[in-house]
Amino acid sequence: MEEMLSNIEKCDPKKSRKRKSDTTKWKRKAVQIKRYKSKGLPIFPRCGHDKKAFKCDKLTAQDIRRFHENFYKCKTKISQDNFILKYCTVNKAKKQMSF
């Protein structure tokens, strides 16, 4: 019995009877990958905010490019959402609304 087990060798996946699924060739997966890829270079925002709350004028083109590059390194929607949440801060409302 041991002689039979010692001769067992792993065969090449291309020649095996049961093939492994290759998800990169699926149409659905290709559409999903295309959906979350970058459509082009980022556009520098042109806004007229001069208030203290928005710091648009402090952003540089280099900052925007780096954020864009790091954001699109994430391949899935969930990881892109988590990337955005990493840079968001939550502030409690100063005034509560009463009904």
PDB file of N, CA and C in Angstrom:
ATOM      1  N   MET A   1       0.827  -1.201   0.000  1.00  0.00           N
ATOM      2  CA  MET A   1       0.000   0.000   0.000  1.00  0.00           C
ATOM      3  C   MET A   1       0.867   1.259   0.000  1.00  0.00           C
ATOM      4  N   GLU A   2       1.947   1.248   0.746  1.00  0.00           N
ATOM      5  CA  GLU A   2       2.823   2.413   0.803  1.00  0.00           C
ATOM      6  C   GLU A   2       3.509   2.667  -0.530  1.00  0.00           C
ATOM      7  N   GLU A   3       3.763   1.631  -1.287  1.00  0.00           N
ATOM      8  CA  GLU A   3       4.396   1.788  -2.589  1.00  0.00           C
ATOM      9  C   GLU A   3       3.487   2.564  -3.540  1.00  0.00           C
ATOM     10  N   MET A   4       2.193   2.332  -3.428  1.00  0.00           N
ATOM     11  CA  MET A   4       1.249   3.030  -4.294  1.00  0.00           C
ATOM     12  C   MET A   4       1.176   4.518  -3.956  1.00  0.00           C
ATOM     13  N   LEU A   5       1.235   4.840  -2.684  1.00  0.00           N
ATOM     14  CA  LEU A   5       1.150   6.240  -2.267  1.00  0.00           C
ATOM     15  C   LEU A   5       2.427   7.008  -2.581  1.00  0.00           C
ATOM     16  N   SER A   6       3.551   6.342  -2.575  1.00  0.00           N
ATOM     17  CA  SER A   6       4.812   7.029  -2.823  1.00  0.00           C
ATOM     18  C   SER A   6       4.960   7.452  -4.285  1.00  0.00           C
ATOM     19  N   ASN A   7       4.240   6.812  -5.200  1.00  0.00           N
ATOM     20  CA  ASN A   7       4.344   7.137  -6.619  1.00  0.00           C
ATOM     21  C   ASN A   7       3.373   8.230  -7.064  1.00  0.00           C
ATOM     22  N   ILE A   8       2.558   8.741  -6.168  1.00  0.00           N
ATOM     23  CA  ILE A   8       1.587   9.769  -6.533  1.00  0.00           C
ATOM     24  C   ILE A   8       2.316  11.099  -6.741  1.00  0.00           C
ATOM     25  N   GLU A   9       2.082  11.695  -7.905  1.00  0.00           N
ATOM     26  CA  GLU A   9       2.683  12.984  -8.214  1.00  0.00           C
ATOM     27  C   GLU A   9       1.581  13.966  -8.586  1.00  0.00           C
ATOM     28  N   LYS A  10       1.819  15.202  -8.295  1.00  0.00           N
ATOM     29  CA  LYS A  10       0.863  16.243  -8.643  1.00  0.00           C
ATOM     30  C   LYS A  10       1.011  16.557 -10.120  1.00  0.00           C
ATOM     31  N   CYS A  11      -0.099  16.564 -10.836  1.00  0.00           N
ATOM     32  CA  CYS A  11      -0.033  16.826 -12.268  1.00  0.00           C
ATOM     33  C   CYS A  11      -0.221  18.315 -12.550  1.00  0.00           C
ATOM     34  N   ASP A  12       0.108  18.672 -13.753  1.00  0.00           N
ATOM     35  CA  ASP A  12      -0.020  20.051 -14.217  1.00  0.00           C
ATOM     36  C   ASP A  12      -1.496  20.440 -14.235  1.00  0.00           C
ATOM     37  N   PRO A  13      -1.885  21.620 -13.721  1.00  0.00           N
ATOM     38  CA  PRO A  13      -3.304  22.015 -13.697  1.00  0.00           C
ATOM     39  C   PRO A  13      -3.954  22.063 -15.082  1.00  0.00           C
ATOM     40  N   LYS A  14      -3.180  22.318 -16.126  1.00  0.00           N
ATOM     41  CA  LYS A  14      -3.740  22.372 -17.477  1.00  0.00           C
ATOM     42  C   LYS A  14      -4.127  20.985 -17.982  1.00  0.00           C
ATOM     43  N   LYS A  15      -3.453  19.960 -17.455  1.00  0.00           N
ATOM     44  CA  LYS A  15      -3.714  18.594 -17.917  1.00  0.00           C
ATOM     45  C   LYS A  15      -4.633  17.825 -16.987  1.00  0.00           C
ATOM     46  N   SER A  16      -5.024  18.399 -15.883  1.00  0.00           N
ATOM     47  CA  SER A  16      -5.876  17.685 -14.940  1.00  0.00           C
ATOM     48  C   SER A  16      -7.296  17.588 -15.466  1.00  0.00           C
ATOM     49  N   ARG A  17      -8.059  16.676 -14.942  1.00  0.00           N
ATOM     50  CA  ARG A  17      -9.432  16.480 -15.401  1.00  0.00           C
ATOM     51  C   ARG A  17     -10.341  17.596 -14.904  1.00  0.00           C
ATOM     52  N   LYS A  18     -10.220  17.933 -13.644  1.00  0.00           N
ATOM     53  CA  LYS A  18     -11.059  19.002 -13.092  1.00  0.00           C
ATOM     54  C   LYS A  18     -10.259  20.298 -13.132  1.00  0.00           C
ATOM     55  N   ARG A  19     -10.715  21.214 -13.923  1.00  0.00           N
ATOM     56  CA  ARG A  19     -10.001  22.477 -14.072  1.00  0.00           C
ATOM     57  C   ARG A  19     -10.367  23.439 -12.944  1.00  0.00           C
ATOM     58  N   LYS A  20      -9.408  24.249 -12.592  1.00  0.00           N
ATOM     59  CA  LYS A  20      -9.651  25.327 -11.634  1.00  0.00           C
ATOM     60  C   LYS A  20     -10.309  26.477 -12.382  1.00  0.00           C
ATOM     61  N   SER A  21     -11.222  27.154 -11.731  1.00  0.00           N
ATOM     62  CA  SER A  21     -11.909  28.267 -12.388  1.00  0.00           C
ATOM     63  C   SER A  21     -10.976  29.472 -12.465  1.00  0.00           C
ATOM     64  N   ASP A  22     -10.935  30.077 -13.620  1.00  0.00           N
ATOM     65  CA  ASP A  22     -10.114  31.259 -13.863  1.00  0.00           C
ATOM     66  C   ASP A  22     -11.049  32.463 -13.939  1.00  0.00           C
ATOM     67  N   THR A  23     -11.180  33.187 -12.824  1.00  0.00           N
ATOM     68  CA  THR A  23     -12.151  34.278 -12.741  1.00  0.00           C
ATOM     69  C   THR A  23     -11.748  35.484 -13.583  1.00  0.00           C
ATOM     70  N   THR A  24     -10.485  35.579 -13.978  1.00  0.00           N
ATOM     71  CA  THR A  24     -10.057  36.740 -14.764  1.00  0.00           C
ATOM     72  C   THR A  24     -10.653  36.716 -16.167  1.00  0.00           C
ATOM     73  N   LYS A  25     -11.101  35.574 -16.642  1.00  0.00           N
ATOM     74  CA  LYS A  25     -11.674  35.473 -17.989  1.00  0.00           C
ATOM     75  C   LYS A  25     -13.189  35.620 -17.999  1.00  0.00           C
ATOM     76  N   TRP A  26     -13.805  35.755 -16.855  1.00  0.00           N
ATOM     77  CA  TRP A  26     -15.262  35.877 -16.794  1.00  0.00           C
ATOM     78  C   TRP A  26     -15.679  37.275 -17.227  1.00  0.00           C
ATOM     79  N   LYS A  27     -16.801  37.375 -17.968  1.00  0.00           N
ATOM     80  CA  LYS A  27     -17.290  38.671 -18.444  1.00  0.00           C
ATOM     81  C   LYS A  27     -17.713  39.560 -17.276  1.00  0.00           C
ATOM     82  N   ARG A  28     -18.381  38.948 -16.299  1.00  0.00           N
ATOM     83  CA  ARG A  28     -18.864  39.720 -15.149  1.00  0.00           C
ATOM     84  C   ARG A  28     -17.697  40.330 -14.379  1.00  0.00           C
ATOM     85  N   LYS A  29     -16.632  39.566 -14.206  1.00  0.00           N
ATOM     86  CA  LYS A  29     -15.461  40.049 -13.477  1.00  0.00           C
ATOM     87  C   LYS A  29     -14.752  41.150 -14.266  1.00  0.00           C
ATOM     88  N   ALA A  30     -14.710  41.007 -15.596  1.00  0.00           N
ATOM     89  CA  ALA A  30     -14.069  42.019 -16.434  1.00  0.00           C
ATOM     90  C   ALA A  30     -14.817  43.344 -16.356  1.00  0.00           C
ATOM     91  N   VAL A  31     -16.153  43.287 -16.350  1.00  0.00           N
ATOM     92  CA  VAL A  31     -16.961  44.505 -16.240  1.00  0.00           C
ATOM     93  C   VAL A  31     -16.744  45.151 -14.872  1.00  0.00           C
ATOM     94  N   GLN A  32     -16.656  44.333 -13.843  1.00  0.00           N
ATOM     95  CA  GLN A  32     -16.450  44.851 -12.488  1.00  0.00           C
ATOM     96  C   GLN A  32     -15.087  45.524 -12.363  1.00  0.00           C
ATOM     97  N   ILE A  33     -14.067  44.932 -12.931  1.00  0.00           N
ATOM     98  CA  ILE A  33     -12.728  45.525 -12.883  1.00  0.00           C
ATOM     99  C   ILE A  33     -12.717  46.852 -13.638  1.00  0.00           C
ATOM    100  N   LYS A  34     -13.378  46.883 -14.793  1.00  0.00           N
ATOM    101  CA  LYS A  34     -13.436  48.108 -15.598  1.00  0.00           C
ATOM    102  C   LYS A  34     -14.191  49.217 -14.862  1.00  0.00           C
ATOM    103  N   ARG A  35     -15.232  48.839 -14.106  1.00  0.00           N
ATOM    104  CA  ARG A  35     -16.062  49.821 -13.401  1.00  0.00           C
ATOM    105  C   ARG A  35     -15.269  50.577 -12.345  1.00  0.00           C
ATOM    106  N   TYR A  36     -14.358  49.895 -11.672  1.00  0.00           N
ATOM    107  CA  TYR A  36     -13.637  50.522 -10.571  1.00  0.00           C
ATOM    108  C   TYR A  36     -12.235  50.981 -10.947  1.00  0.00           C
ATOM    109  N   LYS A  37     -11.930  51.021 -12.249  1.00  0.00           N
ATOM    110  CA  LYS A  37     -10.659  51.559 -12.712  1.00  0.00           C
ATOM    111  C   LYS A  37     -10.779  53.059 -12.913  1.00  0.00           C
ATOM    112  N   SER A  38      -9.655  53.716 -12.964  1.00  0.00           N
ATOM    113  CA  SER A  38      -9.626  55.156 -13.191  1.00  0.00           C
ATOM    114  C   SER A  38     -10.026  55.467 -14.626  1.00  0.00           C
ATOM    115  N   LYS A  39     -10.846  56.485 -14.807  1.00  0.00           N
ATOM    116  CA  LYS A  39     -11.294  56.882 -16.142  1.00  0.00           C
ATOM    117  C   LYS A  39     -10.284  57.823 -16.811  1.00  0.00           C
ATOM    118  N   GLY A  40      -9.433  58.432 -16.029  1.00  0.00           N
ATOM    119  CA  GLY A  40      -8.437  59.362 -16.569  1.00  0.00           C
ATOM    120  C   GLY A  40      -7.741  60.086 -15.425  1.00  0.00           C
ATOM    121  N   LEU A  41      -6.986  61.088 -15.773  1.00  0.00           N
ATOM    122  CA  LEU A  41      -6.274  61.868 -14.764  1.00  0.00           C
ATOM    123  C   LEU A  41      -7.250  62.730 -13.971  1.00  0.00           C
ATOM    124  N   PRO A  42      -6.927  63.031 -12.712  1.00  0.00           N
ATOM    125  CA  PRO A  42      -7.825  63.868 -11.915  1.00  0.00           C
ATOM    126  C   PRO A  42      -7.813  65.317 -12.388  1.00  0.00           C
ATOM    127  N   ILE A  43      -8.926  65.981 -12.167  1.00  0.00           N
ATOM    128  CA  ILE A  43      -9.074  67.387 -12.546  1.00  0.00           C
ATOM    129  C   ILE A  43      -8.902  68.244 -11.289  1.00  0.00           C
ATOM    130  N   PHE A  44      -8.094  69.282 -11.409  1.00  0.00           N
ATOM    131  CA  PHE A  44      -7.872  70.177 -10.278  1.00  0.00           C
ATOM    132  C   PHE A  44      -9.149  70.974 -10.022  1.00  0.00           C
ATOM    133  N   PRO A  45      -9.659  71.001  -8.767  1.00  0.00           N
ATOM    134  CA  PRO A  45     -10.920  71.706  -8.490  1.00  0.00           C
ATOM    135  C   PRO A  45     -10.762  73.230  -8.597  1.00  0.00           C
ATOM    136  N   ARG A  46     -11.730  73.849  -9.215  1.00  0.00           N
ATOM    137  CA  ARG A  46     -11.751  75.312  -9.323  1.00  0.00           C
ATOM    138  C   ARG A  46     -13.011  75.796  -8.612  1.00  0.00           C
ATOM    139  N   CYS A  47     -12.832  76.232  -7.393  1.00  0.00           N
ATOM    140  CA  CYS A  47     -13.987  76.705  -6.636  1.00  0.00           C
ATOM    141  C   CYS A  47     -13.640  78.030  -5.970  1.00  0.00           C
ATOM    142  N   GLY A  48     -14.641  78.738  -5.543  1.00  0.00           N
ATOM    143  CA  GLY A  48     -14.440  80.056  -4.959  1.00  0.00           C
ATOM    144  C   GLY A  48     -14.595  80.061  -3.445  1.00  0.00           C
ATOM    145  N   HIS A  49     -14.288  78.952  -2.797  1.00  0.00           N
ATOM    146  CA  HIS A  49     -14.425  78.908  -1.341  1.00  0.00           C
ATOM    147  C   HIS A  49     -13.322  79.720  -0.685  1.00  0.00           C
ATOM    148  N   ASP A  50     -13.728  80.681   0.132  1.00  0.00           N
ATOM    149  CA  ASP A  50     -12.748  81.465   0.883  1.00  0.00           C
ATOM    150  C   ASP A  50     -13.051  81.388   2.375  1.00  0.00           C
ATOM    151  N   LYS A  51     -13.885  80.427   2.752  1.00  0.00           N
ATOM    152  CA  LYS A  51     -14.247  80.283   4.164  1.00  0.00           C
ATOM    153  C   LYS A  51     -13.241  79.379   4.867  1.00  0.00           C
ATOM    154  N   LYS A  52     -13.316  79.404   6.181  1.00  0.00           N
ATOM    155  CA  LYS A  52     -12.413  78.616   6.989  1.00  0.00           C
ATOM    156  C   LYS A  52     -12.742  77.117   6.927  1.00  0.00           C
ATOM    157  N   ALA A  53     -14.007  76.782   6.669  1.00  0.00           N
ATOM    158  CA  ALA A  53     -14.441  75.391   6.675  1.00  0.00           C
ATOM    159  C   ALA A  53     -13.848  74.601   5.509  1.00  0.00           C
ATOM    160  N   PHE A  54     -13.762  75.221   4.333  1.00  0.00           N
ATOM    161  CA  PHE A  54     -13.237  74.540   3.158  1.00  0.00           C
ATOM    162  C   PHE A  54     -11.823  75.023   2.896  1.00  0.00           C
ATOM    163  N   LYS A  55     -10.916  74.074   2.713  1.00  0.00           N
ATOM    164  CA  LYS A  55      -9.519  74.445   2.480  1.00  0.00           C
ATOM    165  C   LYS A  55      -9.091  74.025   1.088  1.00  0.00           C
ATOM    166  N   CYS A  56      -9.898  74.376   0.111  1.00  0.00           N
ATOM    167  CA  CYS A  56      -9.635  73.989  -1.277  1.00  0.00           C
ATOM    168  C   CYS A  56      -8.370  74.654  -1.815  1.00  0.00           C
ATOM    169  N   ASP A  57      -8.125  75.886  -1.385  1.00  0.00           N
ATOM    170  CA  ASP A  57      -6.970  76.609  -1.900  1.00  0.00           C
ATOM    171  C   ASP A  57      -5.654  76.048  -1.377  1.00  0.00           C
ATOM    172  N   LYS A  58      -5.693  75.255  -0.304  1.00  0.00           N
ATOM    173  CA  LYS A  58      -4.473  74.668   0.255  1.00  0.00           C
ATOM    174  C   LYS A  58      -4.067  73.390  -0.464  1.00  0.00           C
ATOM    175  N   LEU A  59      -4.972  72.811  -1.268  1.00  0.00           N
ATOM    176  CA  LEU A  59      -4.652  71.582  -2.002  1.00  0.00           C
ATOM    177  C   LEU A  59      -3.702  71.883  -3.151  1.00  0.00           C
ATOM    178  N   THR A  60      -2.732  71.019  -3.330  1.00  0.00           N
ATOM    179  CA  THR A  60      -1.830  71.149  -4.470  1.00  0.00           C
ATOM    180  C   THR A  60      -2.183  70.068  -5.491  1.00  0.00           C
ATOM    181  N   ALA A  61      -1.707  70.259  -6.696  1.00  0.00           N
ATOM    182  CA  ALA A  61      -1.939  69.267  -7.751  1.00  0.00           C
ATOM    183  C   ALA A  61      -1.279  67.940  -7.383  1.00  0.00           C
ATOM    184  N   GLN A  62      -0.157  68.018  -6.696  1.00  0.00           N
ATOM    185  CA  GLN A  62       0.555  66.807  -6.255  1.00  0.00           C
ATOM    186  C   GLN A  62      -0.279  66.026  -5.251  1.00  0.00           C
ATOM    187  N   ASP A  63      -0.939  66.719  -4.310  1.00  0.00           N
ATOM    188  CA  ASP A  63      -1.803  66.053  -3.328  1.00  0.00           C
ATOM    189  C   ASP A  63      -2.964  65.333  -4.007  1.00  0.00           C
ATOM    190  N   ILE A  64      -3.569  66.002  -4.966  1.00  0.00           N
ATOM    191  CA  ILE A  64      -4.713  65.430  -5.676  1.00  0.00           C
ATOM    192  C   ILE A  64      -4.277  64.210  -6.488  1.00  0.00           C
ATOM    193  N   ARG A  65      -3.131  64.301  -7.139  1.00  0.00           N
ATOM    194  CA  ARG A  65      -2.625  63.181  -7.929  1.00  0.00           C
ATOM    195  C   ARG A  65      -2.311  61.971  -7.051  1.00  0.00           C
ATOM    196  N   ARG A  66      -1.680  62.221  -5.901  1.00  0.00           N
ATOM    197  CA  ARG A  66      -1.352  61.124  -4.976  1.00  0.00           C
ATOM    198  C   ARG A  66      -2.606  60.446  -4.438  1.00  0.00           C
ATOM    199  N   PHE A  67      -3.601  61.246  -4.055  1.00  0.00           N
ATOM    200  CA  PHE A  67      -4.853  60.686  -3.547  1.00  0.00           C
ATOM    201  C   PHE A  67      -5.536  59.853  -4.634  1.00  0.00           C
ATOM    202  N   HIS A  68      -5.581  60.378  -5.842  1.00  0.00           N
ATOM    203  CA  HIS A  68      -6.196  59.685  -6.976  1.00  0.00           C
ATOM    204  C   HIS A  68      -5.472  58.356  -7.240  1.00  0.00           C
ATOM    205  N   GLU A  69      -4.154  58.402  -7.229  1.00  0.00           N
ATOM    206  CA  GLU A  69      -3.348  57.207  -7.484  1.00  0.00           C
ATOM    207  C   GLU A  69      -3.572  56.149  -6.406  1.00  0.00           C
ATOM    208  N   ASN A  70      -3.555  56.552  -5.155  1.00  0.00           N
ATOM    209  CA  ASN A  70      -3.755  55.609  -4.052  1.00  0.00           C
ATOM    210  C   ASN A  70      -5.186  55.081  -4.003  1.00  0.00           C
ATOM    211  N   PHE A  71      -6.147  55.914  -4.365  1.00  0.00           N
ATOM    212  CA  PHE A  71      -7.544  55.485  -4.369  1.00  0.00           C
ATOM    213  C   PHE A  71      -7.765  54.376  -5.403  1.00  0.00           C
ATOM    214  N   TYR A  72      -7.208  54.541  -6.584  1.00  0.00           N
ATOM    215  CA  TYR A  72      -7.433  53.567  -7.647  1.00  0.00           C
ATOM    216  C   TYR A  72      -6.500  52.364  -7.563  1.00  0.00           C
ATOM    217  N   LYS A  73      -5.604  52.339  -6.589  1.00  0.00           N
ATOM    218  CA  LYS A  73      -4.851  51.112  -6.314  1.00  0.00           C
ATOM    219  C   LYS A  73      -5.792  50.061  -5.724  1.00  0.00           C
ATOM    220  N   CYS A  74      -6.823  50.524  -5.044  1.00  0.00           N
ATOM    221  CA  CYS A  74      -7.834  49.621  -4.485  1.00  0.00           C
ATOM    222  C   CYS A  74      -8.682  49.100  -5.640  1.00  0.00           C
ATOM    223  N   LYS A  75      -8.830  47.802  -5.738  1.00  0.00           N
ATOM    224  CA  LYS A  75      -9.498  47.202  -6.892  1.00  0.00           C
ATOM    225  C   LYS A  75     -11.001  47.005  -6.699  1.00  0.00           C
ATOM    226  N   THR A  76     -11.476  46.959  -5.460  1.00  0.00           N
ATOM    227  CA  THR A  76     -12.898  46.690  -5.228  1.00  0.00           C
ATOM    228  C   THR A  76     -13.581  47.912  -4.623  1.00  0.00           C
ATOM    229  N   LYS A  77     -14.896  47.936  -4.729  1.00  0.00           N
ATOM    230  CA  LYS A  77     -15.694  49.048  -4.200  1.00  0.00           C
ATOM    231  C   LYS A  77     -15.542  49.165  -2.693  1.00  0.00           C
ATOM    232  N   ILE A  78     -15.527  48.039  -2.003  1.00  0.00           N
ATOM    233  CA  ILE A  78     -15.437  48.041  -0.542  1.00  0.00           C
ATOM    234  C   ILE A  78     -14.112  48.635  -0.091  1.00  0.00           C
ATOM    235  N   SER A  79     -13.032  48.234  -0.746  1.00  0.00           N
ATOM    236  CA  SER A  79     -11.729  48.776  -0.344  1.00  0.00           C
ATOM    237  C   SER A  79     -11.621  50.261  -0.699  1.00  0.00           C
ATOM    238  N   GLN A  80     -12.274  50.699  -1.801  1.00  0.00           N
ATOM    239  CA  GLN A  80     -12.270  52.123  -2.133  1.00  0.00           C
ATOM    240  C   GLN A  80     -13.075  52.918  -1.113  1.00  0.00           C
ATOM    241  N   ASP A  81     -14.210  52.368  -0.664  1.00  0.00           N
ATOM    242  CA  ASP A  81     -15.006  53.041   0.373  1.00  0.00           C
ATOM    243  C   ASP A  81     -14.219  53.155   1.676  1.00  0.00           C
ATOM    244  N   ASN A  82     -13.521  52.091   2.037  1.00  0.00           N
ATOM    245  CA  ASN A  82     -12.705  52.118   3.261  1.00  0.00           C
ATOM    246  C   ASN A  82     -11.570  53.124   3.141  1.00  0.00           C
ATOM    247  N   PHE A  83     -11.017  53.267   1.957  1.00  0.00           N
ATOM    248  CA  PHE A  83      -9.954  54.248   1.734  1.00  0.00           C
ATOM    249  C   PHE A  83     -10.469  55.670   1.964  1.00  0.00           C
ATOM    250  N   ILE A  84     -11.673  55.961   1.460  1.00  0.00           N
ATOM    251  CA  ILE A  84     -12.261  57.287   1.650  1.00  0.00           C
ATOM    252  C   ILE A  84     -12.560  57.536   3.130  1.00  0.00           C
ATOM    253  N   LEU A  85     -13.089  56.524   3.805  1.00  0.00           N
ATOM    254  CA  LEU A  85     -13.419  56.682   5.225  1.00  0.00           C
ATOM    255  C   LEU A  85     -12.182  56.923   6.083  1.00  0.00           C
ATOM    256  N   LYS A  86     -11.045  56.461   5.611  1.00  0.00           N
ATOM    257  CA  LYS A  86      -9.805  56.680   6.336  1.00  0.00           C
ATOM    258  C   LYS A  86      -9.485  58.171   6.441  1.00  0.00           C
ATOM    259  N   TYR A  87      -9.896  58.943   5.441  1.00  0.00           N
ATOM    260  CA  TYR A  87      -9.584  60.373   5.392  1.00  0.00           C
ATOM    261  C   TYR A  87     -10.743  61.267   5.830  1.00  0.00           C
ATOM    262  N   CYS A  88     -11.847  60.687   6.274  1.00  0.00           N
ATOM    263  CA  CYS A  88     -13.005  61.471   6.711  1.00  0.00           C
ATOM    264  C   CYS A  88     -13.007  61.596   8.223  1.00  0.00           C
ATOM    265  N   THR A  89     -13.485  62.726   8.694  1.00  0.00           N
ATOM    266  CA  THR A  89     -13.664  62.915  10.130  1.00  0.00           C
ATOM    267  C   THR A  89     -15.127  63.248  10.390  1.00  0.00           C
ATOM    268  N   VAL A  90     -15.621  62.780  11.508  1.00  0.00           N
ATOM    269  CA  VAL A  90     -17.015  63.014  11.872  1.00  0.00           C
ATOM    270  C   VAL A  90     -17.032  64.002  13.028  1.00  0.00           C
ATOM    271  N   ASN A  91     -17.800  65.068  12.850  1.00  0.00           N
ATOM    272  CA  ASN A  91     -17.940  66.077  13.892  1.00  0.00           C
ATOM    273  C   ASN A  91     -19.384  66.075  14.379  1.00  0.00           C
ATOM    274  N   LYS A  92     -19.554  66.206  15.667  1.00  0.00           N
ATOM    275  CA  LYS A  92     -20.891  66.268  16.226  1.00  0.00           C
ATOM    276  C   LYS A  92     -21.507  67.630  15.900  1.00  0.00           C
ATOM    277  N   ALA A  93     -22.788  67.637  15.616  1.00  0.00           N
ATOM    278  CA  ALA A  93     -23.477  68.875  15.285  1.00  0.00           C
ATOM    279  C   ALA A  93     -23.489  69.810  16.497  1.00  0.00           C
ATOM    280  N   LYS A  94     -23.259  71.086  16.248  1.00  0.00           N
ATOM    281  CA  LYS A  94     -23.247  72.052  17.343  1.00  0.00           C
ATOM    282  C   LYS A  94     -24.655  72.333  17.846  1.00  0.00           C
ATOM    283  N   LYS A  95     -25.606  72.296  16.953  1.00  0.00           N
ATOM    284  CA  LYS A  95     -26.973  72.611  17.320  1.00  0.00           C
ATOM    285  C   LYS A  95     -27.874  71.461  16.885  1.00  0.00           C
ATOM    286  N   GLN A  96     -28.679  70.982  17.811  1.00  0.00           N
ATOM    287  CA  GLN A  96     -29.583  69.901  17.452  1.00  0.00           C
ATOM    288  C   GLN A  96     -30.908  70.472  16.970  1.00  0.00           C
ATOM    289  N   MET A  97     -31.484  69.801  15.987  1.00  0.00           N
ATOM    290  CA  MET A  97     -32.751  70.256  15.454  1.00  0.00           C
ATOM    291  C   MET A  97     -33.881  69.748  16.358  1.00  0.00           C
ATOM    292  N   SER A  98     -34.849  70.569  16.609  1.00  0.00           N
ATOM    293  CA  SER A  98     -36.011  70.147  17.404  1.00  0.00           C
ATOM    294  C   SER A  98     -37.245  70.115  16.523  1.00  0.00           C
ATOM    295  N   PHE A  99     -38.051  69.121  16.726  1.00  0.00           N
ATOM    296  CA  PHE A  99     -39.277  68.972  15.930  1.00  0.00           C
ATOM    297  C   PHE A  99     -40.498  69.272  16.735  1.00  0.00           C
TER     298      PHE A  99
END
